Amino acid sequence: MTREQEKQSLKESSNIVEQTFKNLEKTNTIDDFVKDNNITIVNEYSDSNPHMERQDMNHYKVTLKRKYKLKGNHLDTRYGHKQMTIFFSQGYGIDREPTASGVLECLRSDYSCSRDGFNDFCDNCGYDNDSIKAKKTFTTIERQSRRLKAFLNDSHESNFFTMGTFKFNQFLDCEA
């Protein structure tokens, strides 16, 4: 190997190492997660939100949809489809319809507040531990969190024994 070939080889190795570190340092945003997982949203205006006490807001019935490739052999071209429908509200100051990343960010925030149990949820959100309203809100958030986990899980018979089909933890690691 000549001196020039060694320099070129060293330069290429250095570029590979640099690119590897850039990929490791790159953190995904929720927008990236939405795009990578083929998540779309359908908004339908609603007169009210049954889970909200205040009704002077913009209410929507939001359906999140996702299409994912089923894990089979290398020739498999089948896709699975999931959807999750929830009521979503935003203040009058927000004049645009909800986005998939915005709805997912709110669901993640709700999950973060409620994952340590009811008492911590009340402490974090300013509710009284003896409040029926707080218990109802907590129960709604728990139910939506379970549905979100099921929505992000690629559950199908051909995916049963494959690794890496559970996207919920990847979603929690995303930046807003």
Protein backbone atom coordinates (compact mmCIF):
# COMPACT_ATOMS: atom_id res chain seq x y z
CA MET A 1 0.00 0.00 0.00
CA THR A 2 1.41 3.38 -0.93
CA ARG A 3 1.50 6.36 1.36
CA GLU A 4 -1.36 8.07 -0.52
CA GLN A 5 -3.54 4.95 -0.28
CA GLU A 6 -2.90 4.77 3.47
CA LYS A 7 -3.92 8.43 3.87
CA GLN A 8 -7.07 7.83 1.83
CA SER A 9 -7.93 4.73 3.84
CA LEU A 10 -7.38 6.58 7.11
CA LYS A 11 -9.55 9.47 5.91
CA GLU A 12 -12.36 7.08 4.93
CA SER A 13 -12.15 5.34 8.31
CA SER A 14 -12.28 8.69 10.06
CA ASN A 15 -15.39 9.69 8.07
CA ILE A 16 -17.10 6.40 8.96
CA VAL A 17 -16.38 6.88 12.67
CA GLU A 18 -17.57 10.52 12.53
CA GLN A 19 -20.81 9.53 10.77
CA THR A 20 -21.40 6.75 13.33
CA PHE A 21 -21.07 9.22 16.20
CA LYS A 22 -23.43 11.68 14.47
CA ASN A 23 -26.02 8.91 14.11
CA LEU A 24 -25.65 7.97 17.79
CA GLU A 25 -25.98 11.59 18.91
CA LYS A 26 -29.00 12.28 16.72
CA THR A 27 -32.16 12.27 18.78
CA ASN A 28 -35.47 11.75 17.07
CA THR A 29 -38.24 14.25 17.43
CA ILE A 30 -41.90 13.32 17.59
CA ASP A 31 -42.26 14.62 14.01
CA ASP A 32 -39.55 12.14 12.93
CA PHE A 33 -41.32 9.36 14.84
CA VAL A 34 -44.62 10.19 13.12
CA LYS A 35 -42.97 10.11 9.70
CA ASP A 36 -40.93 6.94 10.35
CA ASN A 37 -43.98 5.04 11.61
CA ASN A 38 -46.45 6.19 8.92
CA ILE A 39 -48.82 7.83 11.41
CA THR A 40 -51.57 9.98 9.96
CA ILE A 41 -54.42 11.91 11.54
CA VAL A 42 -58.06 12.53 10.68
CA ASN A 43 -59.79 15.36 12.57
CA GLU A 44 -63.52 15.71 12.98
CA TYR A 45 -64.89 18.77 14.77
CA SER A 46 -66.93 17.91 17.86
CA ASP A 47 -69.37 20.00 19.88
CA SER A 48 -67.98 18.78 23.19
CA ASN A 49 -65.44 16.56 24.88
CA PRO A 50 -66.98 14.11 27.39
CA HIS A 51 -63.70 14.02 29.35
CA MET A 52 -63.44 17.78 29.84
CA GLU A 53 -65.22 19.87 32.44
CA ARG A 54 -64.65 23.11 30.51
CA GLN A 55 -66.47 23.12 27.21
CA ASP A 56 -65.39 26.57 25.97
CA MET A 57 -62.63 25.15 23.78
CA ASN A 58 -62.15 23.71 20.30
CA HIS A 59 -63.04 20.02 20.51
CA TYR A 60 -62.15 17.34 18.01
CA LYS A 61 -62.68 13.65 17.58
CA VAL A 62 -59.20 12.62 16.44
CA THR A 63 -58.34 9.35 14.73
CA LEU A 64 -54.66 8.42 14.57
CA LYS A 65 -53.88 5.80 11.92
CA ARG A 66 -50.72 3.87 11.26
CA LYS A 67 -49.60 1.41 8.65
CA TYR A 68 -46.74 -0.97 9.44
CA LYS A 69 -44.96 -3.71 7.57
CA LEU A 70 -45.63 -7.19 8.87
CA LYS A 71 -42.57 -9.20 9.78
CA GLY A 72 -42.37 -12.28 7.66
CA ASN A 73 -39.81 -13.58 5.26
CA HIS A 74 -37.93 -11.24 2.94
CA LEU A 75 -40.61 -11.61 0.24
CA ASP A 76 -43.50 -10.65 2.52
CA THR A 77 -45.27 -7.50 1.30
CA ARG A 78 -48.19 -7.48 3.75
CA TYR A 79 -49.05 -4.50 5.94
CA GLY A 80 -50.95 -4.17 9.19
CA HIS A 81 -53.19 -1.24 10.02
CA LYS A 82 -54.00 0.25 13.41
CA GLN A 83 -56.09 3.18 14.50
CA MET A 84 -56.88 4.96 17.73
CA THR A 85 -59.76 7.41 18.18
CA ILE A 86 -59.86 9.88 21.08
CA PHE A 87 -61.44 13.19 21.96
CA PHE A 88 -58.93 16.04 21.89
CA SER A 89 -59.42 19.65 22.96
CA GLN A 90 -57.37 22.80 22.48
CA GLY A 91 -57.93 26.41 23.44
CA TYR A 92 -59.62 29.00 21.26
CA GLY A 93 -56.27 30.72 20.74
CA ILE A 94 -55.10 27.81 18.60
CA ASP A 95 -56.76 28.29 15.24
CA ARG A 96 -55.34 25.29 13.39
CA GLU A 97 -56.50 21.69 13.51
CA PRO A 98 -54.54 19.24 15.68
CA THR A 99 -51.51 17.53 14.16
CA ALA A 100 -50.45 13.94 14.77
CA SER A 101 -47.27 15.07 16.52
CA GLY A 102 -49.20 17.54 18.70
CA VAL A 103 -51.73 14.93 19.80
CA LEU A 104 -48.98 12.38 20.50
CA GLU A 105 -47.03 14.97 22.52
CA CYS A 106 -50.11 15.59 24.68
CA LEU A 107 -50.68 11.86 25.17
CA ARG A 108 -47.03 11.41 26.15
CA SER A 109 -47.27 14.30 28.61
CA ASP A 110 -50.41 12.82 30.17
CA TYR A 111 -48.71 9.42 30.45
CA SER A 112 -45.66 10.99 32.13
CA CYS A 113 -47.85 12.64 34.77
CA SER A 114 -49.82 9.49 35.55
CA ARG A 115 -47.28 6.65 35.36
CA ASP A 116 -46.26 6.90 39.05
CA GLY A 117 -49.75 6.34 40.41
CA PHE A 118 -52.77 8.37 41.47
CA ASN A 119 -51.21 10.20 44.43
CA ASP A 120 -48.22 11.39 42.43
CA PHE A 121 -50.56 12.37 39.58
CA CYS A 122 -52.57 14.55 41.98
CA ASP A 123 -49.39 16.12 43.39
CA ASN A 124 -47.96 16.80 39.91
CA CYS A 125 -51.14 18.28 38.46
CA GLY A 126 -52.53 20.14 41.47
CA TYR A 127 -55.51 17.90 42.16
CA ASP A 128 -56.87 16.95 45.58
CA ASN A 129 -56.31 13.24 46.32
CA ASP A 130 -59.91 13.01 47.56
CA SER A 131 -61.45 14.40 44.35
CA ILE A 132 -63.81 12.38 42.18
CA LYS A 133 -62.90 14.64 39.25
CA ALA A 134 -59.20 13.83 39.73
CA LYS A 135 -59.90 10.09 39.83
CA LYS A 136 -62.00 10.32 36.66
CA THR A 137 -59.24 12.27 34.87
CA PHE A 138 -56.59 9.79 36.05
CA THR A 139 -58.68 6.82 34.88
CA THR A 140 -59.18 8.44 31.46
CA ILE A 141 -55.44 9.05 31.09
CA GLU A 142 -54.63 5.47 32.11
CA ARG A 143 -57.12 4.10 29.56
CA GLN A 144 -55.71 6.34 26.81
CA SER A 145 -52.16 5.31 27.71
CA ARG A 146 -53.06 1.61 27.40
CA ARG A 147 -54.68 2.30 24.04
CA LEU A 148 -51.61 4.26 22.90
CA LYS A 149 -49.34 1.33 23.82
CA ALA A 150 -51.56 -1.04 21.85
CA PHE A 151 -51.62 1.41 18.93
CA LEU A 152 -47.81 1.56 18.78
CA ASN A 153 -47.33 -2.20 19.20
CA ASP A 154 -47.08 -4.17 15.93
CA SER A 155 -49.21 -7.06 17.15
CA HIS A 156 -49.96 -9.66 14.53
CA GLU A 157 -49.48 -13.41 14.34
CA SER A 158 -46.44 -13.15 12.06
CA ASN A 159 -44.87 -10.55 14.39
CA PHE A 160 -45.36 -12.57 17.57
CA PHE A 161 -41.78 -13.81 17.96
CA THR A 162 -39.95 -10.88 16.39
CA MET A 163 -37.98 -8.34 18.36
CA GLY A 164 -38.27 -4.58 18.09
CA THR A 165 -41.93 -4.32 17.18
CA PHE A 166 -42.86 -2.38 20.33
CA LYS A 167 -42.48 1.31 19.51
CA PHE A 168 -43.81 2.80 22.74
CA ASN A 169 -40.40 3.11 24.45
CA GLN A 170 -38.92 4.67 21.31
CA PHE A 171 -41.78 7.14 21.35
CA LEU A 172 -41.10 8.09 24.97
CA ASP A 173 -37.43 8.80 24.11
CA CYS A 174 -38.34 11.32 21.39
CA GLU A 175 -37.87 15.03 21.90
CA ALA A 176 -40.83 17.38 21.57
